[in-house]
Protein backbone atom coordinates (compact mmCIF):
# COMPACT_ATOMS: atom_id res chain seq x y z
CA MET A 1 -25.11 12.62 -16.98
CA SER A 2 -23.62 9.68 -15.10
CA ALA A 3 -20.62 9.99 -12.81
CA LYS A 4 -17.28 9.20 -14.41
CA LEU A 5 -15.88 8.14 -11.03
CA VAL A 6 -17.21 4.77 -9.82
CA VAL A 7 -16.50 3.19 -6.44
CA TYR A 8 -17.29 -0.53 -6.23
CA PRO A 9 -18.57 -2.51 -3.21
CA PRO A 10 -16.06 -3.25 -0.47
CA ASP A 11 -14.19 -6.54 -0.55
CA GLU A 12 -13.83 -8.78 2.51
CA ASN A 13 -11.12 -6.43 3.85
CA GLY A 14 -13.17 -3.26 3.36
CA ARG A 15 -11.20 -2.04 0.33
CA ARG A 16 -13.08 -0.61 -2.65
CA ARG A 17 -11.98 -0.64 -6.30
CA VAL A 18 -12.14 2.80 -7.95
CA ARG A 19 -12.51 3.48 -11.67
CA TYR A 20 -12.37 6.80 -13.49
CA GLU A 21 -13.65 7.11 -17.05
CA GLY A 22 -13.66 3.31 -17.36
CA SER A 23 -10.09 2.72 -16.14
CA ASP A 24 -8.99 1.29 -12.81
CA VAL A 25 -7.27 4.01 -10.79
CA GLY A 26 -6.76 2.31 -7.44
CA VAL A 27 -8.15 0.47 -4.44
CA ALA A 28 -9.42 2.79 -1.72
CA GLN A 29 -9.33 2.11 1.99
CA ARG A 30 -11.00 5.40 2.98
CA PRO A 31 -12.92 8.26 1.33
CA SER A 32 -9.84 10.47 1.03
CA ASP A 33 -8.26 7.80 -1.21
CA VAL A 34 -11.11 8.24 -3.71
CA ALA A 35 -10.39 11.96 -4.09
CA ALA A 36 -6.63 11.31 -4.33
CA PHE A 37 -7.11 8.73 -7.09
CA ALA A 38 -9.38 11.14 -8.99
CA ALA A 39 -6.72 13.85 -8.81
CA ALA A 40 -3.97 11.46 -9.91
CA ALA A 41 -6.13 10.38 -12.86
CA GLY A 42 -6.44 14.01 -13.96
CA ARG A 43 -10.01 14.77 -12.88
CA THR A 44 -10.52 18.53 -12.97
CA GLY A 45 -11.52 19.93 -9.58
CA ALA A 46 -10.63 16.76 -7.68
CA GLU A 47 -9.50 18.82 -4.68
CA ASP A 48 -13.10 20.07 -4.28
CA LEU A 49 -14.77 16.74 -5.08
CA ASP A 50 -18.07 16.25 -3.23
CA LEU A 51 -18.06 12.54 -2.50
CA THR A 52 -21.77 12.63 -1.63
CA ASP A 53 -22.87 14.12 -4.97
CA PRO A 54 -24.12 11.33 -7.27
CA ARG A 55 -23.26 13.51 -10.29
CA CYS A 56 -19.60 13.27 -9.21
CA VAL A 57 -19.28 9.79 -7.73
CA GLU A 58 -21.29 6.63 -8.32
CA TRP A 59 -21.09 4.50 -5.17
CA ARG A 60 -21.97 0.84 -5.61
CA GLY A 61 -22.64 -1.33 -2.58
CA GLY A 62 -22.92 1.54 -0.10
CA GLY A 63 -21.88 5.17 0.08
CA PRO A 64 -18.75 6.88 1.37
CA GLU A 65 -19.47 5.66 4.91
CA THR A 66 -19.35 1.95 3.89
CA TRP A 67 -15.94 0.27 4.02
CA ALA A 68 -16.49 -3.19 5.48
CA GLU A 69 -18.61 -5.83 3.82
CA GLU A 70 -21.72 -6.74 5.81
CA PRO A 71 -21.65 -10.26 7.32
């Protein structure tokens, strides 16, 4: 099963687009934003979301520690 929450690579300002079930839910500036967007989008159990679990979150262009684009 693929993750329904997808975090895209950081832009030039370190912000990352977040999609849940195929819909844009926000632009994150930090890991806590990802969980907040998931909760706002109605994801069950968002308060206990393990951001490092690939079954929960698909990180593209770096994991939860990556927020600035590499030069």
